[in-house]
Protein backbone atom coordinates (compact mmCIF):
# COMPACT_ATOMS: atom_id res chain seq x y z
CA MET A 1 -21.60 11.58 1.16
CA ALA A 2 -19.39 10.25 -1.62
CA ILE A 3 -18.04 6.78 -2.34
CA LEU A 4 -14.33 5.98 -2.59
CA GLY A 5 -13.86 3.32 -5.27
CA ILE A 6 -10.76 1.11 -5.33
CA ASP A 7 -9.43 -1.36 -7.90
CA GLU A 8 -6.09 -2.93 -8.79
CA VAL A 9 -4.25 -3.57 -12.05
CA GLY A 10 -1.23 -5.80 -12.49
CA ARG A 11 -1.83 -8.63 -10.04
CA GLY A 12 -0.77 -11.40 -12.44
CA PRO A 13 2.01 -10.17 -14.78
CA LEU A 14 5.54 -11.51 -14.70
CA ALA A 15 6.98 -8.00 -14.89
CA GLY A 16 6.18 -4.44 -13.90
CA PRO A 17 4.50 -2.87 -10.89
CA LEU A 18 1.22 -3.51 -9.15
CA VAL A 19 -0.99 -0.40 -9.28
CA VAL A 20 -4.11 0.35 -7.23
CA GLY A 21 -6.41 3.18 -8.25
CA ALA A 22 -8.68 5.10 -5.87
CA VAL A 23 -11.32 7.60 -7.01
CA ILE A 24 -14.07 9.78 -5.53
CA LEU A 25 -16.51 11.04 -8.17
CA PRO A 26 -18.77 14.11 -7.92
CA GLU A 27 -22.06 13.30 -6.19
CA ASN A 28 -23.99 15.06 -8.93
CA LYS A 29 -22.71 12.78 -11.66
CA PRO A 30 -21.64 14.47 -14.91
CA ASP A 31 -22.74 12.88 -18.19
CA TRP A 32 -19.37 11.18 -18.78
CA VAL A 33 -19.80 9.04 -15.66
CA ALA A 34 -22.36 6.92 -17.53
CA GLU A 35 -19.59 5.84 -19.90
CA LEU A 36 -17.46 4.32 -17.13
CA LYS A 37 -17.08 0.54 -17.01
CA ASP A 38 -14.45 -2.10 -16.33
CA SER A 39 -11.27 -0.80 -17.96
CA LYS A 40 -10.73 -4.14 -19.73
CA LYS A 41 -14.01 -3.63 -21.63
CA LEU A 42 -12.93 -0.28 -23.08
CA SER A 43 -10.84 0.37 -26.16
CA VAL A 44 -7.42 1.92 -25.58
CA LYS A 45 -8.60 5.19 -27.12
CA LYS A 46 -11.75 5.33 -24.98
CA ARG A 47 -9.87 4.38 -21.84
CA GLU A 48 -7.28 7.11 -22.33
CA LYS A 49 -9.96 9.71 -23.02
CA LEU A 50 -11.89 8.79 -19.88
CA ASN A 51 -8.66 8.76 -17.87
CA GLU A 52 -8.07 12.41 -18.78
CA VAL A 53 -11.59 13.37 -17.76
CA ILE A 54 -11.44 11.44 -14.48
CA ARG A 55 -8.10 12.96 -13.50
CA ALA A 56 -9.41 16.45 -14.34
CA GLU A 57 -12.93 16.32 -12.88
CA ALA A 58 -13.04 13.69 -10.11
CA LEU A 59 -13.13 15.07 -6.58
CA ALA A 60 -10.06 13.00 -5.64
CA THR A 61 -7.81 10.42 -7.26
CA GLY A 62 -4.89 8.35 -6.01
CA LEU A 63 -2.54 5.71 -7.35
CA GLY A 64 -0.68 3.26 -5.12
CA TRP A 65 2.39 1.68 -6.72
CA VAL A 66 4.29 -1.39 -5.52
CA LYS A 67 7.50 -2.27 -7.36
CA PRO A 68 8.43 -5.80 -8.48
CA ALA A 69 11.15 -6.04 -5.81
CA GLU A 70 8.56 -5.19 -3.15
CA ILE A 71 6.17 -7.81 -4.55
CA ASP A 72 8.94 -10.40 -4.34
CA GLU A 73 9.69 -9.44 -0.75
CA LEU A 74 6.11 -9.17 0.48
CA GLY A 75 4.17 -11.67 -1.62
CA ILE A 76 1.22 -10.60 -3.76
CA SER A 77 -1.37 -10.51 -0.95
CA ARG A 78 0.68 -8.16 1.20
CA ALA A 79 1.63 -6.15 -1.87
CA LEU A 80 -2.06 -5.60 -2.67
CA LYS A 81 -2.65 -4.38 0.87
CA LEU A 82 0.32 -2.00 0.65
CA ALA A 83 -0.67 -0.61 -2.77
CA THR A 84 -4.23 -0.02 -1.56
CA ARG A 85 -3.07 1.87 1.51
CA ARG A 86 -0.68 3.97 -0.53
CA ALA A 87 -3.50 4.94 -2.91
CA VAL A 88 -5.85 5.79 -0.05
CA LYS A 89 -3.21 7.94 1.66
CA ILE A 90 -2.96 10.07 -1.47
CA VAL A 91 -6.74 10.49 -1.58
CA GLN A 92 -6.89 11.42 2.10
CA LYS A 93 -4.38 14.22 1.55
CA GLN A 94 -6.91 15.82 -0.82
CA HIS A 95 -9.36 16.25 2.09
CA VAL A 96 -12.49 15.06 0.29
CA ALA A 97 -15.13 13.51 2.56
CA PHE A 98 -16.51 10.05 1.78
CA SER A 99 -18.86 7.76 3.70
CA GLN A 100 -18.24 4.42 2.00
CA ILE A 101 -15.36 2.54 0.39
CA VAL A 102 -16.00 -0.08 -2.28
CA ILE A 103 -13.15 -2.44 -3.22
CA ASP A 104 -13.37 -4.70 -6.25
CA GLY A 105 -13.12 -8.37 -5.31
CA LYS A 106 -13.57 -10.28 -2.06
CA VAL A 107 -10.75 -8.96 0.15
CA ASN A 108 -10.87 -5.91 2.42
CA PHE A 109 -7.32 -4.60 2.08
CA LEU A 110 -8.04 -1.90 4.67
CA GLN A 111 -9.04 -4.32 7.40
CA ASP A 112 -7.53 -3.51 10.81
CA THR A 113 -7.22 0.17 9.91
CA ARG A 114 -9.47 3.06 10.89
CA LEU A 115 -11.14 2.85 7.48
CA GLY A 116 -11.79 -0.89 7.52
CA LYS A 117 -15.32 -0.59 8.89
CA TYR A 118 -16.37 1.60 5.95
CA VAL A 119 -15.37 -0.98 3.32
CA SER A 120 -17.67 -3.08 1.19
CA THR A 121 -16.11 -5.67 -1.12
CA MET A 122 -17.89 -6.59 -4.32
CA VAL A 123 -17.02 -9.00 -7.12
CA LYS A 124 -17.16 -7.19 -10.48
CA ALA A 125 -17.48 -3.83 -8.77
CA ASP A 126 -15.28 -2.46 -11.54
CA ASP A 127 -18.27 -2.91 -13.85
CA LEU A 128 -21.06 -2.18 -11.37
CA VAL A 129 -19.87 0.78 -9.29
CA LYS A 130 -18.83 3.85 -11.26
CA GLU A 131 -16.23 4.95 -8.72
CA VAL A 132 -14.54 1.55 -8.93
CA SER A 133 -14.74 1.65 -12.73
CA ALA A 134 -12.97 5.00 -12.63
CA ALA A 135 -10.31 3.57 -10.31
CA SER A 136 -9.72 0.66 -12.66
CA ILE A 137 -9.34 3.04 -15.61
CA ILE A 138 -6.78 5.38 -14.07
CA ALA A 139 -4.78 2.44 -12.70
CA LYS A 140 -4.83 0.63 -16.07
CA VAL A 141 -3.76 3.68 -18.06
CA ALA A 142 -1.02 4.59 -15.59
CA ARG A 143 0.41 1.08 -15.57
CA ASP A 144 0.20 0.66 -19.35
CA ASP A 145 2.00 3.98 -19.85
CA TYR A 146 4.70 2.85 -17.45
CA MET A 147 5.16 -0.43 -19.34
CA VAL A 148 5.49 1.45 -22.64
CA MET A 149 8.20 3.55 -21.02
CA LEU A 150 9.91 0.36 -19.84
CA ALA A 151 9.84 -0.95 -23.41
CA GLU A 152 12.19 1.86 -24.40
CA LYS A 153 14.61 0.89 -21.63
CA TYR A 154 14.31 -2.87 -22.25
CA PRO A 155 13.35 -3.23 -25.95
CA LYS A 156 14.05 -6.97 -26.12
CA TYR A 157 11.00 -7.98 -24.08
CA GLY A 158 8.12 -6.30 -25.94
CA PHE A 159 6.63 -4.75 -22.80
CA GLU A 160 4.61 -2.29 -24.90
CA ASN A 161 2.56 -5.20 -26.30
CA HIS A 162 1.97 -7.61 -23.40
CA VAL A 163 2.53 -5.11 -20.52
CA GLY A 164 4.38 -7.75 -18.55
CA TYR A 165 1.96 -10.69 -18.83
CA GLY A 166 3.29 -14.18 -19.55
CA THR A 167 2.59 -14.39 -23.27
CA ALA A 168 4.44 -16.85 -25.49
CA LYS A 169 6.62 -14.06 -26.91
CA HIS A 170 7.43 -12.72 -23.46
CA LEU A 171 8.41 -16.16 -22.18
CA ALA A 172 10.54 -16.72 -25.27
CA ALA A 173 12.34 -13.42 -24.63
CA ILE A 174 12.99 -14.39 -21.01
CA ARG A 175 14.46 -17.72 -22.09
CA GLU A 176 16.69 -15.98 -24.64
CA PHE A 177 17.79 -12.88 -22.72
CA GLY A 178 17.17 -13.74 -19.08
CA ILE A 179 15.32 -11.33 -16.79
CA CYS A 180 15.68 -7.64 -15.99
CA GLU A 181 15.13 -5.75 -12.74
CA GLU A 182 11.45 -5.23 -13.62
CA HIS A 183 10.69 -8.95 -13.59
CA ARG A 184 9.05 -10.58 -10.58
CA ARG A 185 11.47 -13.20 -9.38
CA SER A 186 8.86 -14.81 -7.11
CA PHE A 187 6.47 -15.62 -9.99
CA GLU A 188 6.64 -18.85 -11.95
CA PRO A 189 8.26 -19.80 -14.28
CA ILE A 190 10.86 -17.15 -13.36
CA LYS A 191 10.96 -18.38 -9.77
CA SER A 192 12.19 -21.82 -10.85
CA MET A 193 14.56 -20.37 -13.43
CA VAL A 194 16.42 -18.15 -10.97
CA GLY A 195 15.96 -20.27 -7.85
CA PHE A 196 14.15 -17.50 -5.96
CA VAL A 197 13.50 -18.22 -2.28
CA ARG A 198 11.57 -15.80 -0.10
CA ASN A 199 12.58 -15.53 3.56
CA PRO A 200 16.38 -15.62 3.12
CA SER A 201 18.39 -15.79 6.32
CA MET A 202 20.28 -12.68 7.34
CA SER A 203 23.78 -12.54 5.92
CA ARG A 204 26.87 -12.96 8.05
CA GLY A 205 27.79 -9.89 10.00
CA ALA A 206 24.23 -8.59 10.11
CA VAL A 207 23.11 -7.11 13.42
CA LYS A 208 21.62 -9.83 15.58
CA ASN A 209 21.07 -8.04 18.86
CA THR A 210 17.31 -7.49 19.09
CA THR A 211 17.64 -4.35 21.20
CA VAL A 212 19.91 -2.71 18.64
CA ILE A 213 17.70 -3.85 15.78
CA GLY A 214 14.59 -2.51 17.51
CA LYS A 215 16.27 0.85 18.09
CA ARG A 216 17.30 1.14 14.45
CA ALA A 217 13.77 0.33 13.30
CA GLU A 218 12.30 2.90 15.70
CA ASP A 219 14.81 5.54 14.54
CA LYS A 220 13.77 4.87 10.94
CA VAL A 221 10.11 5.41 11.76
CA ALA A 222 10.79 8.47 13.93
CA LYS A 223 12.67 10.14 11.06
CA TYR A 224 9.79 9.33 8.71
CA LEU A 225 7.25 10.88 11.09
CA GLU A 226 9.39 13.99 11.47
CA SER A 227 9.57 14.27 7.67
CA GLN A 228 5.76 14.29 7.67
CA GLY A 229 5.63 17.18 10.12
CA HIS A 230 5.27 15.23 13.37
CA LYS A 231 7.01 16.26 16.56
CA VAL A 232 8.32 13.17 18.32
CA LEU A 233 7.36 13.53 21.99
CA ALA A 234 8.77 10.23 23.23
CA GLN A 235 10.65 7.26 21.85
CA ASN A 236 10.59 3.88 23.59
CA TYR A 237 8.16 5.24 26.20
CA LYS A 238 8.02 2.85 29.17
CA THR A 239 6.42 2.62 32.58
CA LYS A 240 6.25 -0.28 35.02
CA VAL A 241 3.00 -1.42 33.45
CA CYS A 242 3.19 -0.54 29.74
CA GLU A 243 5.27 0.69 26.83
CA ILE A 244 4.89 2.16 23.36
CA ASP A 245 7.59 2.68 20.76
CA ILE A 246 6.93 6.23 19.51
CA VAL A 247 4.63 9.04 20.63
CA SER A 248 4.31 11.93 18.18
CA ALA A 249 2.14 15.01 17.73
CA LEU A 250 0.75 16.80 14.69
CA ASN A 251 -1.95 19.50 14.49
CA ASN A 252 -3.51 18.85 17.92
CA GLU A 253 -3.48 15.13 17.21
CA ILE A 254 -1.31 12.65 19.12
CA TYR A 255 -0.12 9.36 17.65
CA PHE A 256 1.02 6.22 19.47
CA THR A 257 3.03 4.09 17.06
CA GLU A 258 4.06 0.47 17.56
CA VAL A 259 7.07 -0.41 15.39
CA LYS A 260 7.13 -3.99 14.13
CA TYR A 261 10.36 -5.25 12.59
CA ARG A 262 10.89 -8.54 10.75
CA LYS A 263 13.82 -9.89 8.76
CA ASN A 264 11.41 -10.20 5.85
CA ALA A 265 7.69 -9.88 5.17
CA ASN A 266 6.95 -13.60 4.98
CA PHE A 267 3.92 -14.67 7.01
CA GLY A 268 2.52 -11.16 6.98
CA GLY A 269 5.59 -9.27 8.12
CA GLY A 270 5.48 -7.10 11.22
CA LEU A 271 1.81 -6.26 10.74
CA ALA A 272 0.81 -9.84 11.50
CA ALA A 273 2.00 -9.33 15.10
CA ILE A 274 -0.72 -6.76 15.87
CA THR A 275 -3.24 -9.09 17.49
CA PRO A 276 -6.35 -7.83 19.29
CA GLU A 277 -4.51 -8.43 22.56
CA LYS A 278 -1.54 -6.35 21.40
CA GLN A 279 -3.85 -3.59 20.23
CA GLN A 280 -5.46 -3.52 23.67
CA LYS A 281 -2.03 -3.13 25.27
CA MET A 282 -1.28 -0.25 22.92
CA LYS A 283 -4.52 1.44 23.93
CA PHE A 284 -3.64 1.03 27.60
CA ALA A 285 -0.21 2.60 27.02
CA MET A 286 -1.91 5.49 25.25
CA GLU A 287 -4.23 6.06 28.21
CA VAL A 288 -1.33 5.96 30.67
CA PHE A 289 0.67 8.49 28.65
CA LEU A 290 -2.27 10.88 28.39
CA LYS A 291 -2.88 10.60 32.12
CA GLU A 292 0.75 11.41 32.86
CA ASN A 293 0.89 14.24 30.33
CA SER A 294 -2.22 16.28 30.98
CA GLU A 295 -1.42 18.91 28.34
CA TYR A 296 -2.36 16.38 25.65
CA ARG A 297 -5.57 15.02 27.21
CA ASN A 298 -7.84 17.03 24.90
CA TRP A 299 -5.89 16.13 21.77
CA GLN A 300 -7.31 13.58 19.34
CA PRO A 301 -5.46 10.28 19.97
CA PHE A 302 -4.62 7.66 17.34
CA LEU A 303 -2.99 4.25 17.46
CA ALA A 304 -0.64 3.47 14.58
CA VAL A 305 1.57 0.67 13.32
CA ALA A 306 4.82 0.93 11.39
CA ASP A 307 5.97 -2.09 9.37
CA VAL A 308 9.76 -2.28 8.95
CA THR A 309 11.57 -5.16 7.23
CA GLY A 310 14.99 -6.27 6.05
CA GLU A 311 18.61 -5.54 6.78
CA ASP A 312 18.15 -2.11 5.21
CA PHE A 313 15.26 -1.36 7.59
CA VAL A 314 12.74 -0.49 4.87
CA LEU A 315 9.60 1.25 6.12
CA ASN A 316 6.89 -0.56 4.16
CA ASP A 317 3.91 1.17 5.70
CA TRP A 318 2.66 3.37 8.54
CA PHE A 319 -1.06 3.31 9.12
CA LEU A 320 -3.67 4.02 11.76
CA LEU A 321 -5.67 1.51 13.77
CA THR A 322 -9.17 1.98 15.13
CA VAL A 323 -9.03 3.31 18.70
């Protein structure tokens, strides 16, 4: 079966989003596939031409975007994980089968998900694996186009030329005009200029009762699942021996979601709390629920995690674990 190629663009700039591309190419490769290579090695004209062909003829494409404010909140490592998962979700909705995932670099951003075991990481995959080359091209073109659009909104910074990177002209503009909402406050030298500190304490008057906070986080996730077509069967399901935050059903599939809330995403956010021991407890709760509710015993079960952070209870991600 096909390969899903994944690559990111925008890890290092001082401004603009992080974008991850994901592409599945036809197995019988058309002639234009031979022209694919690392997007940085292509001229702008060639890159844009190939982008049009990829978007038109690839079996599936996806782009995962993470905004500067999210990067500041999560840190770049967590932001890369989130962008990758967002891109893969879009590809999965296109229902194209693949047997392998290749991610450019050394980090498996899908680790601890159902897809993690299918991942191979490879340095310079964007120049060696055509699917990854294609992913790098669509991500690069999409991000560059976005930065050109930003240049019209913020003409003082020259985004159309440096696309957010820390060039001498960009740094000079920051010193003269300050920063805009598209700048990454957690990146130096901006971090020192604005005194950015990740992991701020909750403001006065914020809800401190953990039970209330947990309920609000669960309600946020339940509403999200319902918006995706799920029927919530149970919320805060408990027995004498186990518990699970949300049980939901969709298309003869049943999902057991653990909601993890943190004030912020420092130290990995809520996802860092899903240890192997915790995952085993989730599996046990799933088995107990299915035993007690026999009508769902033949449904396909899945374990899932929802990552919620901040006083505004932002749902950063909802993804499946390997059962």
